[in-house]
Amino acid sequence: MQFAPPGRARRKPSLTPMIDVVFLLLVFFMLASRFGVDAIVPLPLASTGGEYTGPPRLIDIYPDKVTLNGVDMVDLPQALAPLMRSPTDMLILRGQDGTSLQRIVTVTESLRQAGYSSVVLVE
């Protein structure tokens, strides 16, 4: 009569590597995420429609300059004054290649501080 040798007890898998990975992911996402409320700038897109009246008011935003109807501007709100009938007239912003989103937001905020309330962003 032959008996099989007694089998070895099964070894339980170690959970340490999995716990390490979970903590590394937790630390990564905590460091990579941003906590707090971001400012929201309402910029309607041109596809939403709307009525455009008056002279052209196309503001091109470059990384190093701002142009109004193709002419370089230093003081944009002052240059817009003769073209506007009221502060609610539509302004069209167009970001050019290489322009950061922060630069567009900065120009938009300066226009809003100057009293212009209708700004449209086009591609």
PDB file of N, CA and C in Angstrom:
ATOM      1  N   MET A   1       0.828  -1.138   0.000  1.00  0.00           N
ATOM      2  CA  MET A   1       0.000   0.000   0.000  1.00  0.00           C
ATOM      3  C   MET A   1       0.898   1.234   0.000  1.00  0.00           C
ATOM      4  N   GLN A   2       0.650   2.106  -0.955  1.00  0.00           N
ATOM      5  CA  GLN A   2       1.471   3.307  -1.056  1.00  0.00           C
ATOM      6  C   GLN A   2       0.635   4.514  -0.631  1.00  0.00           C
ATOM      7  N   PHE A   3       1.270   5.269   0.172  1.00  0.00           N
ATOM      8  CA  PHE A   3       0.621   6.519   0.617  1.00  0.00           C
ATOM      9  C   PHE A   3       1.336   7.701  -0.026  1.00  0.00           C
ATOM     10  N   ALA A   4       0.542   8.691  -0.399  1.00  0.00           N
ATOM     11  CA  ALA A   4       1.141   9.902  -0.978  1.00  0.00           C
ATOM     12  C   ALA A   4       1.773  10.706   0.140  1.00  0.00           C
ATOM     13  N   PRO A   5       2.900  11.301  -0.174  1.00  0.00           N
ATOM     14  CA  PRO A   5       3.525  12.114   0.885  1.00  0.00           C
ATOM     15  C   PRO A   5       2.598  13.279   1.253  1.00  0.00           C
ATOM     16  N   PRO A   6       2.636  13.662   2.487  1.00  0.00           N
ATOM     17  CA  PRO A   6       1.749  14.757   2.900  1.00  0.00           C
ATOM     18  C   PRO A   6       2.110  16.029   2.135  1.00  0.00           C
ATOM     19  N   GLY A   7       1.115  16.720   1.625  1.00  0.00           N
ATOM     20  CA  GLY A   7       1.341  17.959   0.860  1.00  0.00           C
ATOM     21  C   GLY A   7       1.733  19.113   1.780  1.00  0.00           C
ATOM     22  N   ARG A   8       2.455  19.988   1.189  1.00  0.00           N
ATOM     23  CA  ARG A   8       2.835  21.149   1.980  1.00  0.00           C
ATOM     24  C   ARG A   8       1.631  22.081   2.113  1.00  0.00           C
ATOM     25  N   ALA A   9       1.610  22.794   3.193  1.00  0.00           N
ATOM     26  CA  ALA A   9       0.516  23.735   3.415  1.00  0.00           C
ATOM     27  C   ALA A   9       0.628  24.886   2.408  1.00  0.00           C
ATOM     28  N   ARG A  10      -0.484  25.269   1.894  1.00  0.00           N
ATOM     29  CA  ARG A  10      -0.482  26.366   0.926  1.00  0.00           C
ATOM     30  C   ARG A  10      -0.083  27.662   1.604  1.00  0.00           C
ATOM     31  N   ARG A  11       0.713  28.404   0.897  1.00  0.00           N
ATOM     32  CA  ARG A  11       1.179  29.671   1.420  1.00  0.00           C
ATOM     33  C   ARG A  11       0.223  30.777   0.963  1.00  0.00           C
ATOM     34  N   LYS A  12      -0.194  31.626   1.872  1.00  0.00           N
ATOM     35  CA  LYS A  12      -1.108  32.702   1.530  1.00  0.00           C
ATOM     36  C   LYS A  12      -0.320  33.794   0.815  1.00  0.00           C
ATOM     37  N   PRO A  13      -0.902  34.382  -0.239  1.00  0.00           N
ATOM     38  CA  PRO A  13      -0.184  35.450  -0.946  1.00  0.00           C
ATOM     39  C   PRO A  13      -0.060  36.691  -0.057  1.00  0.00           C
ATOM     40  N   SER A  14       1.040  37.357  -0.206  1.00  0.00           N
ATOM     41  CA  SER A  14       1.295  38.555   0.582  1.00  0.00           C
ATOM     42  C   SER A  14       0.546  39.744  -0.027  1.00  0.00           C
ATOM     43  N   LEU A  15      -0.111  40.506   0.806  1.00  0.00           N
ATOM     44  CA  LEU A  15      -0.848  41.681   0.354  1.00  0.00           C
ATOM     45  C   LEU A  15      -0.008  42.953   0.422  1.00  0.00           C
ATOM     46  N   THR A  16       1.204  42.853   0.901  1.00  0.00           N
ATOM     47  CA  THR A  16       2.051  44.038   1.063  1.00  0.00           C
ATOM     48  C   THR A  16       2.308  44.773  -0.245  1.00  0.00           C
ATOM     49  N   PRO A  17       2.666  44.088  -1.353  1.00  0.00           N
ATOM     50  CA  PRO A  17       2.888  44.844  -2.591  1.00  0.00           C
ATOM     51  C   PRO A  17       1.633  45.575  -3.077  1.00  0.00           C
ATOM     52  N   MET A  18       0.479  44.952  -2.920  1.00  0.00           N
ATOM     53  CA  MET A  18      -0.755  45.596  -3.351  1.00  0.00           C
ATOM     54  C   MET A  18      -1.050  46.827  -2.489  1.00  0.00           C
ATOM     55  N   ILE A  19      -0.832  46.736  -1.201  1.00  0.00           N
ATOM     56  CA  ILE A  19      -1.050  47.873  -0.303  1.00  0.00           C
ATOM     57  C   ILE A  19      -0.082  48.999  -0.649  1.00  0.00           C
ATOM     58  N   ASP A  20       1.170  48.657  -0.977  1.00  0.00           N
ATOM     59  CA  ASP A  20       2.148  49.672  -1.383  1.00  0.00           C
ATOM     60  C   ASP A  20       1.685  50.411  -2.636  1.00  0.00           C
ATOM     61  N   VAL A  21       1.185  49.681  -3.600  1.00  0.00           N
ATOM     62  CA  VAL A  21       0.722  50.295  -4.841  1.00  0.00           C
ATOM     63  C   VAL A  21      -0.467  51.210  -4.562  1.00  0.00           C
ATOM     64  N   VAL A  22      -1.389  50.777  -3.733  1.00  0.00           N
ATOM     65  CA  VAL A  22      -2.562  51.591  -3.408  1.00  0.00           C
ATOM     66  C   VAL A  22      -2.137  52.893  -2.728  1.00  0.00           C
ATOM     67  N   PHE A  23      -1.199  52.818  -1.791  1.00  0.00           N
ATOM     68  CA  PHE A  23      -0.745  54.038  -1.122  1.00  0.00           C
ATOM     69  C   PHE A  23       0.018  54.953  -2.074  1.00  0.00           C
ATOM     70  N   LEU A  24       0.805  54.387  -2.974  1.00  0.00           N
ATOM     71  CA  LEU A  24       1.500  55.222  -3.958  1.00  0.00           C
ATOM     72  C   LEU A  24       0.503  55.936  -4.867  1.00  0.00           C
ATOM     73  N   LEU A  25      -0.540  55.236  -5.302  1.00  0.00           N
ATOM     74  CA  LEU A  25      -1.573  55.877  -6.110  1.00  0.00           C
ATOM     75  C   LEU A  25      -2.301  56.965  -5.331  1.00  0.00           C
ATOM     76  N   LEU A  26      -2.583  56.697  -4.074  1.00  0.00           N
ATOM     77  CA  LEU A  26      -3.247  57.684  -3.228  1.00  0.00           C
ATOM     78  C   LEU A  26      -2.393  58.946  -3.104  1.00  0.00           C
ATOM     79  N   VAL A  27      -1.116  58.777  -2.835  1.00  0.00           N
ATOM     80  CA  VAL A  27      -0.214  59.923  -2.710  1.00  0.00           C
ATOM     81  C   VAL A  27      -0.119  60.657  -4.043  1.00  0.00           C
ATOM     82  N   PHE A  28      -0.009  59.935  -5.151  1.00  0.00           N
ATOM     83  CA  PHE A  28       0.080  60.577  -6.465  1.00  0.00           C
ATOM     84  C   PHE A  28      -1.144  61.430  -6.748  1.00  0.00           C
ATOM     85  N   PHE A  29      -2.341  60.905  -6.547  1.00  0.00           N
ATOM     86  CA  PHE A  29      -3.542  61.657  -6.850  1.00  0.00           C
ATOM     87  C   PHE A  29      -3.757  62.814  -5.883  1.00  0.00           C
ATOM     88  N   MET A  30      -3.307  62.676  -4.651  1.00  0.00           N
ATOM     89  CA  MET A  30      -3.413  63.790  -3.712  1.00  0.00           C
ATOM     90  C   MET A  30      -2.484  64.932  -4.128  1.00  0.00           C
ATOM     91  N   LEU A  31      -1.306  64.607  -4.603  1.00  0.00           N
ATOM     92  CA  LEU A  31      -0.367  65.645  -5.019  1.00  0.00           C
ATOM     93  C   LEU A  31      -0.720  66.235  -6.384  1.00  0.00           C
ATOM     94  N   ALA A  32      -1.331  65.439  -7.248  1.00  0.00           N
ATOM     95  CA  ALA A  32      -1.630  65.897  -8.600  1.00  0.00           C
ATOM     96  C   ALA A  32      -2.939  66.671  -8.683  1.00  0.00           C
ATOM     97  N   SER A  33      -3.824  66.505  -7.729  1.00  0.00           N
ATOM     98  CA  SER A  33      -5.115  67.179  -7.806  1.00  0.00           C
ATOM     99  C   SER A  33      -5.021  68.569  -7.207  1.00  0.00           C
ATOM    100  N   ARG A  34      -5.960  69.411  -7.606  1.00  0.00           N
ATOM    101  CA  ARG A  34      -6.015  70.772  -7.099  1.00  0.00           C
ATOM    102  C   ARG A  34      -7.220  70.894  -6.196  1.00  0.00           C
ATOM    103  N   PHE A  35      -6.996  71.391  -5.006  1.00  0.00           N
ATOM    104  CA  PHE A  35      -8.088  71.592  -4.076  1.00  0.00           C
ATOM    105  C   PHE A  35      -8.454  73.062  -4.074  1.00  0.00           C
ATOM    106  N   GLY A  36      -9.718  73.337  -3.959  1.00  0.00           N
ATOM    107  CA  GLY A  36     -10.169  74.722  -3.942  1.00  0.00           C
ATOM    108  C   GLY A  36     -11.077  74.995  -5.116  1.00  0.00           C
ATOM    109  N   VAL A  37     -11.622  76.171  -5.117  1.00  0.00           N
ATOM    110  CA  VAL A  37     -12.563  76.560  -6.155  1.00  0.00           C
ATOM    111  C   VAL A  37     -11.821  77.392  -7.197  1.00  0.00           C
ATOM    112  N   ASP A  38     -11.935  77.016  -8.434  1.00  0.00           N
ATOM    113  CA  ASP A  38     -11.338  77.776  -9.521  1.00  0.00           C
ATOM    114  C   ASP A  38     -12.303  78.869  -9.944  1.00  0.00           C
ATOM    115  N   ALA A  39     -11.747  79.961 -10.406  1.00  0.00           N
ATOM    116  CA  ALA A  39     -12.586  81.053 -10.901  1.00  0.00           C
ATOM    117  C   ALA A  39     -13.209  80.644 -12.231  1.00  0.00           C
ATOM    118  N   ILE A  40     -14.447  80.970 -12.394  1.00  0.00           N
ATOM    119  CA  ILE A  40     -15.160  80.637 -13.623  1.00  0.00           C
ATOM    120  C   ILE A  40     -15.388  81.927 -14.393  1.00  0.00           C
ATOM    121  N   VAL A  41     -14.886  81.952 -15.610  1.00  0.00           N
ATOM    122  CA  VAL A  41     -15.074  83.110 -16.473  1.00  0.00           C
ATOM    123  C   VAL A  41     -16.093  82.726 -17.531  1.00  0.00           C
ATOM    124  N   PRO A  42     -17.265  83.344 -17.521  1.00  0.00           N
ATOM    125  CA  PRO A  42     -18.274  82.974 -18.517  1.00  0.00           C
ATOM    126  C   PRO A  42     -17.899  83.530 -19.890  1.00  0.00           C
ATOM    127  N   LEU A  43     -17.547  82.643 -20.796  1.00  0.00           N
ATOM    128  CA  LEU A  43     -17.219  83.028 -22.166  1.00  0.00           C
ATOM    129  C   LEU A  43     -18.133  82.252 -23.103  1.00  0.00           C
ATOM    130  N   PRO A  44     -19.189  82.872 -23.597  1.00  0.00           N
ATOM    131  CA  PRO A  44     -20.035  82.150 -24.542  1.00  0.00           C
ATOM    132  C   PRO A  44     -19.291  81.953 -25.853  1.00  0.00           C
ATOM    133  N   LEU A  45     -19.533  80.862 -26.501  1.00  0.00           N
ATOM    134  CA  LEU A  45     -18.909  80.602 -27.787  1.00  0.00           C
ATOM    135  C   LEU A  45     -19.764  81.189 -28.904  1.00  0.00           C
ATOM    136  N   ALA A  46     -19.144  81.433 -30.041  1.00  0.00           N
ATOM    137  CA  ALA A  46     -19.853  82.063 -31.151  1.00  0.00           C
ATOM    138  C   ALA A  46     -20.980  81.189 -31.674  1.00  0.00           C
ATOM    139  N   SER A  47     -20.909  79.889 -31.458  1.00  0.00           N
ATOM    140  CA  SER A  47     -21.934  78.983 -31.975  1.00  0.00           C
ATOM    141  C   SER A  47     -23.269  79.152 -31.266  1.00  0.00           C
ATOM    142  N   THR A  48     -23.291  79.872 -30.127  1.00  0.00           N
ATOM    143  CA  THR A  48     -24.553  80.046 -29.408  1.00  0.00           C
ATOM    144  C   THR A  48     -25.431  81.100 -30.045  1.00  0.00           C
ATOM    145  N   GLY A  49     -24.929  81.755 -31.074  1.00  0.00           N
ATOM    146  CA  GLY A  49     -25.736  82.748 -31.763  1.00  0.00           C
ATOM    147  C   GLY A  49     -25.579  84.112 -31.138  1.00  0.00           C
ATOM    148  N   GLY A  50     -26.499  84.953 -31.420  1.00  0.00           N
ATOM    149  CA  GLY A  50     -26.429  86.315 -30.922  1.00  0.00           C
ATOM    150  C   GLY A  50     -26.383  87.271 -32.096  1.00  0.00           C
ATOM    151  N   GLU A  51     -26.593  88.523 -31.789  1.00  0.00           N
ATOM    152  CA  GLU A  51     -26.668  89.530 -32.820  1.00  0.00           C
ATOM    153  C   GLU A  51     -25.453  90.429 -32.737  1.00  0.00           C
ATOM    154  N   TYR A  52     -24.840  90.676 -33.872  1.00  0.00           N
ATOM    155  CA  TYR A  52     -23.670  91.549 -33.921  1.00  0.00           C
ATOM    156  C   TYR A  52     -24.040  92.790 -34.699  1.00  0.00           C
ATOM    157  N   THR A  53     -23.866  93.953 -34.072  1.00  0.00           N
ATOM    158  CA  THR A  53     -24.143  95.220 -34.736  1.00  0.00           C
ATOM    159  C   THR A  53     -22.979  96.166 -34.513  1.00  0.00           C
ATOM    160  N   GLY A  54     -22.857  97.117 -35.402  1.00  0.00           N
ATOM    161  CA  GLY A  54     -21.825  98.126 -35.235  1.00  0.00           C
ATOM    162  C   GLY A  54     -20.552  97.791 -35.987  1.00  0.00           C
ATOM    163  N   PRO A  55     -19.518  98.601 -35.767  1.00  0.00           N
ATOM    164  CA  PRO A  55     -18.258  98.386 -36.464  1.00  0.00           C
ATOM    165  C   PRO A  55     -17.569  97.117 -35.975  1.00  0.00           C
ATOM    166  N   PRO A  56     -16.609  96.596 -36.739  1.00  0.00           N
ATOM    167  CA  PRO A  56     -15.919  95.376 -36.320  1.00  0.00           C
ATOM    168  C   PRO A  56     -15.101  95.605 -35.055  1.00  0.00           C
ATOM    169  N   ARG A  57     -15.161  94.623 -34.175  1.00  0.00           N
ATOM    170  CA  ARG A  57     -14.417  94.660 -32.917  1.00  0.00           C
ATOM    171  C   ARG A  57     -13.793  93.282 -32.691  1.00  0.00           C
ATOM    172  N   LEU A  58     -12.816  92.946 -33.518  1.00  0.00           N
ATOM    173  CA  LEU A  58     -12.146  91.652 -33.428  1.00  0.00           C
ATOM    174  C   LEU A  58     -10.829  91.841 -32.674  1.00  0.00           C
ATOM    175  N   ILE A  59     -10.719  91.167 -31.555  1.00  0.00           N
ATOM    176  CA  ILE A  59      -9.530  91.280 -30.707  1.00  0.00           C
ATOM    177  C   ILE A  59      -8.741  89.987 -30.844  1.00  0.00           C
ATOM    178  N   ASP A  60      -7.559  90.079 -31.460  1.00  0.00           N
ATOM    179  CA  ASP A  60      -6.665  88.927 -31.578  1.00  0.00           C
ATOM    180  C   ASP A  60      -5.687  88.959 -30.419  1.00  0.00           C
ATOM    181  N   ILE A  61      -5.565  87.830 -29.740  1.00  0.00           N
ATOM    182  CA  ILE A  61      -4.681  87.750 -28.580  1.00  0.00           C
ATOM    183  C   ILE A  61      -3.501  86.864 -28.942  1.00  0.00           C
ATOM    184  N   TYR A  62      -2.329  87.440 -28.927  1.00  0.00           N
ATOM    185  CA  TYR A  62      -1.074  86.734 -29.190  1.00  0.00           C
ATOM    186  C   TYR A  62      -0.335  86.549 -27.866  1.00  0.00           C
ATOM    187  N   PRO A  63       0.694  85.704 -27.834  1.00  0.00           N
ATOM    188  CA  PRO A  63       1.435  85.537 -26.576  1.00  0.00           C
ATOM    189  C   PRO A  63       2.092  86.825 -26.080  1.00  0.00           C
ATOM    190  N   ASP A  64       2.460  87.739 -27.007  1.00  0.00           N
ATOM    191  CA  ASP A  64       3.197  88.931 -26.581  1.00  0.00           C
ATOM    192  C   ASP A  64       2.499  90.250 -26.904  1.00  0.00           C
ATOM    193  N   LYS A  65       1.348  90.203 -27.559  1.00  0.00           N
ATOM    194  CA  LYS A  65       0.649  91.442 -27.904  1.00  0.00           C
ATOM    195  C   LYS A  65      -0.838  91.177 -28.084  1.00  0.00           C
ATOM    196  N   VAL A  66      -1.588  92.274 -28.170  1.00  0.00           N
ATOM    197  CA  VAL A  66      -3.031  92.224 -28.417  1.00  0.00           C
ATOM    198  C   VAL A  66      -3.314  93.177 -29.570  1.00  0.00           C
ATOM    199  N   THR A  67      -4.104  92.711 -30.544  1.00  0.00           N
ATOM    200  CA  THR A  67      -4.457  93.579 -31.666  1.00  0.00           C
ATOM    201  C   THR A  67      -5.967  93.759 -31.721  1.00  0.00           C
ATOM    202  N   LEU A  68      -6.372  94.951 -32.146  1.00  0.00           N
ATOM    203  CA  LEU A  68      -7.781  95.258 -32.355  1.00  0.00           C
ATOM    204  C   LEU A  68      -7.958  95.520 -33.837  1.00  0.00           C
ATOM    205  N   ASN A  69      -8.708  94.664 -34.513  1.00  0.00           N
ATOM    206  CA  ASN A  69      -8.920  94.742 -35.958  1.00  0.00           C
ATOM    207  C   ASN A  69      -7.593  94.782 -36.716  1.00  0.00           C
ATOM    208  N   GLY A  70      -6.605  94.053 -36.234  1.00  0.00           N
ATOM    209  CA  GLY A  70      -5.319  93.942 -36.907  1.00  0.00           C
ATOM    210  C   GLY A  70      -4.298  94.997 -36.532  1.00  0.00           C
ATOM    211  N   VAL A  71      -4.638  95.932 -35.650  1.00  0.00           N
ATOM    212  CA  VAL A  71      -3.727  97.002 -35.248  1.00  0.00           C
ATOM    213  C   VAL A  71      -3.277  96.747 -33.812  1.00  0.00           C
ATOM    214  N   ASP A  72      -1.957  96.802 -33.578  1.00  0.00           N
ATOM    215  CA  ASP A  72      -1.427  96.584 -32.223  1.00  0.00           C
ATOM    216  C   ASP A  72      -2.006  97.607 -31.251  1.00  0.00           C
ATOM    217  N   MET A  73      -2.376  97.125 -30.059  1.00  0.00           N
ATOM    218  CA  MET A  73      -2.962  97.994 -29.050  1.00  0.00           C
ATOM    219  C   MET A  73      -2.181  97.880 -27.753  1.00  0.00           C
ATOM    220  N   VAL A  74      -1.953  99.026 -27.122  1.00  0.00           N
ATOM    221  CA  VAL A  74      -1.339  99.041 -25.800  1.00  0.00           C
ATOM    222  C   VAL A  74      -2.432  99.156 -24.752  1.00  0.00           C
ATOM    223  N   ASP A  75      -3.369 100.084 -24.954  1.00  0.00           N
ATOM    224  CA  ASP A  75      -4.486 100.287 -24.035  1.00  0.00           C
ATOM    225  C   ASP A  75      -5.773  99.883 -24.748  1.00  0.00           C
ATOM    226  N   LEU A  76      -6.131  98.633 -24.614  1.00  0.00           N
ATOM    227  CA  LEU A  76      -7.275  98.082 -25.344  1.00  0.00           C
ATOM    228  C   LEU A  76      -8.599  98.740 -24.981  1.00  0.00           C
ATOM    229  N   PRO A  77      -8.939  98.928 -23.698  1.00  0.00           N
ATOM    230  CA  PRO A  77     -10.236  99.546 -23.384  1.00  0.00           C
ATOM    231  C   PRO A  77     -10.378 100.953 -23.971  1.00  0.00           C
ATOM    232  N   GLN A  78      -9.310 101.722 -23.982  1.00  0.00           N
ATOM    233  CA  GLN A  78      -9.364 103.068 -24.531  1.00  0.00           C
ATOM    234  C   GLN A  78      -9.535 103.028 -26.058  1.00  0.00           C
ATOM    235  N   ALA A  79      -8.904 102.062 -26.719  1.00  0.00           N
ATOM    236  CA  ALA A  79      -9.036 101.931 -28.170  1.00  0.00           C
ATOM    237  C   ALA A  79     -10.423 101.438 -28.565  1.00  0.00           C
ATOM    238  N   LEU A  80     -11.091 100.694 -27.676  1.00  0.00           N
ATOM    239  CA  LEU A  80     -12.436 100.191 -27.980  1.00  0.00           C
ATOM    240  C   LEU A  80     -13.516 101.259 -27.843  1.00  0.00           C
ATOM    241  N   ALA A  81     -13.276 102.291 -27.058  1.00  0.00           N
ATOM    242  CA  ALA A  81     -14.304 103.287 -26.744  1.00  0.00           C
ATOM    243  C   ALA A  81     -14.963 103.885 -27.990  1.00  0.00           C
ATOM    244  N   PRO A  82     -14.217 104.307 -29.032  1.00  0.00           N
ATOM    245  CA  PRO A  82     -14.902 104.883 -30.194  1.00  0.00           C
ATOM    246  C   PRO A  82     -15.714 103.867 -31.006  1.00  0.00           C
ATOM    247  N   LEU A  83     -15.433 102.583 -30.841  1.00  0.00           N
ATOM    248  CA  LEU A  83     -16.128 101.548 -31.610  1.00  0.00           C
ATOM    249  C   LEU A  83     -17.396 101.037 -30.919  1.00  0.00           C
ATOM    250  N   MET A  84     -17.615 101.435 -29.683  1.00  0.00           N
ATOM    251  CA  MET A  84     -18.714 100.893 -28.888  1.00  0.00           C
ATOM    252  C   MET A  84     -19.833 101.931 -28.753  1.00  0.00           C
ATOM    253  N   ARG A  85     -21.077 101.494 -28.985  1.00  0.00           N
ATOM    254  CA  ARG A  85     -22.227 102.344 -28.712  1.00  0.00           C
ATOM    255  C   ARG A  85     -22.647 102.217 -27.258  1.00  0.00           C
ATOM    256  N   SER A  86     -22.523 101.005 -26.730  1.00  0.00           N
ATOM    257  CA  SER A  86     -22.833 100.768 -25.321  1.00  0.00           C
ATOM    258  C   SER A  86     -21.898  99.675 -24.807  1.00  0.00           C
ATOM    259  N   PRO A  87     -21.725  99.574 -23.484  1.00  0.00           N
ATOM    260  CA  PRO A  87     -20.829  98.547 -22.935  1.00  0.00           C
ATOM    261  C   PRO A  87     -21.306  97.121 -23.177  1.00  0.00           C
ATOM    262  N   THR A  88     -22.558  96.976 -23.622  1.00  0.00           N
ATOM    263  CA  THR A  88     -23.077  95.629 -23.877  1.00  0.00           C
ATOM    264  C   THR A  88     -22.889  95.188 -25.324  1.00  0.00           C
ATOM    265  N   ASP A  89     -22.270  96.029 -26.154  1.00  0.00           N
ATOM    266  CA  ASP A  89     -21.973  95.613 -27.533  1.00  0.00           C
ATOM    267  C   ASP A  89     -21.006  94.434 -27.507  1.00  0.00           C
ATOM    268  N   MET A  90     -21.140  93.566 -28.495  1.00  0.00           N
ATOM    269  CA  MET A  90     -20.378  92.324 -28.526  1.00  0.00           C
ATOM    270  C   MET A  90     -18.921  92.564 -28.940  1.00  0.00           C
ATOM    271  N   LEU A  91     -18.003  91.956 -28.178  1.00  0.00           N
ATOM    272  CA  LEU A  91     -16.583  91.928 -28.513  1.00  0.00           C
ATOM    273  C   LEU A  91     -16.222  90.506 -28.896  1.00  0.00           C
ATOM    274  N   ILE A  92     -15.427  90.350 -29.928  1.00  0.00           N
ATOM    275  CA  ILE A  92     -15.033  89.012 -30.373  1.00  0.00           C
ATOM    276  C   ILE A  92     -13.562  88.816 -30.064  1.00  0.00           C
ATOM    277  N   LEU A  93     -13.268  87.799 -29.267  1.00  0.00           N
ATOM    278  CA  LEU A  93     -11.892  87.443 -28.917  1.00  0.00           C
ATOM    279  C   LEU A  93     -11.464  86.240 -29.732  1.00  0.00           C
ATOM    280  N   ARG A  94     -10.222  86.269 -30.191  1.00  0.00           N
ATOM    281  CA  ARG A  94      -9.687  85.125 -30.928  1.00  0.00           C
ATOM    282  C   ARG A  94      -8.258  84.900 -30.466  1.00  0.00           C
ATOM    283  N   GLY A  95      -8.016  83.760 -29.861  1.00  0.00           N
ATOM    284  CA  GLY A  95      -6.676  83.401 -29.431  1.00  0.00           C
ATOM    285  C   GLY A  95      -5.872  82.853 -30.599  1.00  0.00           C
ATOM    286  N   GLN A  96      -4.663  83.339 -30.759  1.00  0.00           N
ATOM    287  CA  GLN A  96      -3.805  82.902 -31.855  1.00  0.00           C
ATOM    288  C   GLN A  96      -2.897  81.758 -31.391  1.00  0.00           C
ATOM    289  N   ASP A  97      -2.191  81.145 -32.342  1.00  0.00           N
ATOM    290  CA  ASP A  97      -1.309  80.014 -32.029  1.00  0.00           C
ATOM    291  C   ASP A  97      -0.274  80.422 -30.993  1.00  0.00           C
ATOM    292  N   GLY A  98      -0.092  79.564 -30.012  1.00  0.00           N
ATOM    293  CA  GLY A  98       0.909  79.791 -28.983  1.00  0.00           C
ATOM    294  C   GLY A  98       0.413  80.592 -27.795  1.00  0.00           C
ATOM    295  N   THR A  99      -0.813  81.084 -27.858  1.00  0.00           N
ATOM    296  CA  THR A  99      -1.360  81.871 -26.754  1.00  0.00           C
ATOM    297  C   THR A  99      -1.892  80.936 -25.681  1.00  0.00           C
ATOM    298  N   SER A 100      -1.510  81.207 -24.438  1.00  0.00           N
ATOM    299  CA  SER A 100      -1.985  80.369 -23.341  1.00  0.00           C
ATOM    300  C   SER A 100      -3.404  80.788 -22.939  1.00  0.00           C
ATOM    301  N   LEU A 101      -4.102  79.874 -22.339  1.00  0.00           N
ATOM    302  CA  LEU A 101      -5.455  80.155 -21.874  1.00  0.00           C
ATOM    303  C   LEU A 101      -5.431  81.242 -20.805  1.00  0.00           C
ATOM    304  N   GLN A 102      -4.394  81.254 -19.983  1.00  0.00           N
ATOM    305  CA  GLN A 102      -4.296  82.278 -18.944  1.00  0.00           C
ATOM    306  C   GLN A 102      -4.217  83.670 -19.556  1.00  0.00           C
ATOM    307  N   ARG A 103      -3.529  83.803 -20.677  1.00  0.00           N
ATOM    308  CA  ARG A 103      -3.419  85.109 -21.348  1.00  0.00           C
ATOM    309  C   ARG A 103      -4.800  85.565 -21.837  1.00  0.00           C
ATOM    310  N   ILE A 104      -5.586  84.655 -22.387  1.00  0.00           N
ATOM    311  CA  ILE A 104      -6.941  84.991 -22.850  1.00  0.00           C
ATOM    312  C   ILE A 104      -7.818  85.397 -21.671  1.00  0.00           C
ATOM    313  N   VAL A 105      -7.711  84.672 -20.564  1.00  0.00           N
ATOM    314  CA  VAL A 105      -8.506  84.995 -19.379  1.00  0.00           C
ATOM    315  C   VAL A 105      -8.096  86.355 -18.827  1.00  0.00           C
ATOM    316  N   THR A 106      -6.808  86.671 -18.838  1.00  0.00           N
ATOM    317  CA  THR A 106      -6.335  87.964 -18.340  1.00  0.00           C
ATOM    318  C   THR A 106      -6.892  89.117 -19.175  1.00  0.00           C
ATOM    319  N   VAL A 107      -6.870  88.978 -20.496  1.00  0.00           N
ATOM    320  CA  VAL A 107      -7.421  90.024 -21.367  1.00  0.00           C
ATOM    321  C   VAL A 107      -8.926  90.153 -21.140  1.00  0.00           C
ATOM    322  N   THR A 108      -9.619  89.028 -21.006  1.00  0.00           N
ATOM    323  CA  THR A 108     -11.063  89.051 -20.764  1.00  0.00           C
ATOM    324  C   THR A 108     -11.388  89.754 -19.452  1.00  0.00           C
ATOM    325  N   GLU A 109     -10.624  89.460 -18.408  1.00  0.00           N
ATOM    326  CA  GLU A 109     -10.870  90.113 -17.116  1.00  0.00           C
ATOM    327  C   GLU A 109     -10.599  91.606 -17.188  1.00  0.00           C
ATOM    328  N   SER A 110      -9.578  92.020 -17.935  1.00  0.00           N
ATOM    329  CA  SER A 110      -9.313  93.455 -18.065  1.00  0.00           C
ATOM    330  C   SER A 110     -10.460  94.153 -18.811  1.00  0.00           C
ATOM    331  N   LEU A 111     -11.045  93.470 -19.799  1.00  0.00           N
ATOM    332  CA  LEU A 111     -12.195  94.045 -20.504  1.00  0.00           C
ATOM    333  C   LEU A 111     -13.408  94.146 -19.587  1.00  0.00           C
ATOM    334  N   ARG A 112     -13.619  93.130 -18.776  1.00  0.00           N
ATOM    335  CA  ARG A 112     -14.761  93.156 -17.847  1.00  0.00           C
ATOM    336  C   ARG A 112     -14.579  94.256 -16.801  1.00  0.00           C
ATOM    337  N   GLN A 113     -13.346  94.464 -16.341  1.00  0.00           N
ATOM    338  CA  GLN A 113     -13.089  95.529 -15.370  1.00  0.00           C
ATOM    339  C   GLN A 113     -13.301  96.901 -15.999  1.00  0.00           C
ATOM    340  N   ALA A 114     -13.093  97.013 -17.313  1.00  0.00           N
ATOM    341  CA  ALA A 114     -13.316  98.265 -18.012  1.00  0.00           C
ATOM    342  C   ALA A 114     -14.811  98.504 -18.285  1.00  0.00           C
ATOM    343  N   GLY A 115     -15.651  97.526 -17.988  1.00  0.00           N
ATOM    344  CA  GLY A 115     -17.093  97.701 -18.118  1.00  0.00           C
ATOM    345  C   GLY A 115     -17.721  97.020 -19.307  1.00  0.00           C
ATOM    346  N   TYR A 116     -16.948  96.301 -20.099  1.00  0.00           N
ATOM    347  CA  TYR A 116     -17.493  95.600 -21.272  1.00  0.00           C
ATOM    348  C   TYR A 116     -17.991  94.241 -20.820  1.00  0.00           C
ATOM    349  N   SER A 117     -19.267  93.968 -21.082  1.00  0.00           N
ATOM    350  CA  SER A 117     -19.871  92.768 -20.504  1.00  0.00           C
ATOM    351  C   SER A 117     -20.152  91.661 -21.511  1.00  0.00           C
ATOM    352  N   SER A 118     -20.129  91.949 -22.790  1.00  0.00           N
ATOM    353  CA  SER A 118     -20.477  90.925 -23.786  1.00  0.00           C
ATOM    354  C   SER A 118     -19.231  90.537 -24.573  1.00  0.00           C
ATOM    355  N   VAL A 119     -18.642  89.419 -24.181  1.00  0.00           N
ATOM    356  CA  VAL A 119     -17.408  88.936 -24.811  1.00  0.00           C
ATOM    357  C   VAL A 119     -17.674  87.546 -25.365  1.00  0.00           C
ATOM    358  N   VAL A 120     -17.297  87.326 -26.627  1.00  0.00           N
ATOM    359  CA  VAL A 120     -17.482  86.031 -27.279  1.00  0.00           C
ATOM    360  C   VAL A 120     -16.119  85.510 -27.699  1.00  0.00           C
ATOM    361  N   LEU A 121     -15.875  84.251 -27.436  1.00  0.00           N
ATOM    362  CA  LEU A 121     -14.615  83.596 -27.796  1.00  0.00           C
ATOM    363  C   LEU A 121     -14.819  82.743 -29.035  1.00  0.00           C
ATOM    364  N   VAL A 122     -14.004  82.965 -30.069  1.00  0.00           N
ATOM    365  CA  VAL A 122     -14.085  82.168 -31.287  1.00  0.00           C
ATOM    366  C   VAL A 122     -12.764  81.454 -31.486  1.00  0.00           C
ATOM    367  N   GLU A 123     -12.809  80.402 -32.294  1.00  0.00           N
ATOM    368  CA  GLU A 123     -11.599  79.630 -32.547  1.00  0.00           C
ATOM    369  C   GLU A 123     -10.865  80.182 -33.747  1.00  0.00           C
TER     370      GLU A 123
END
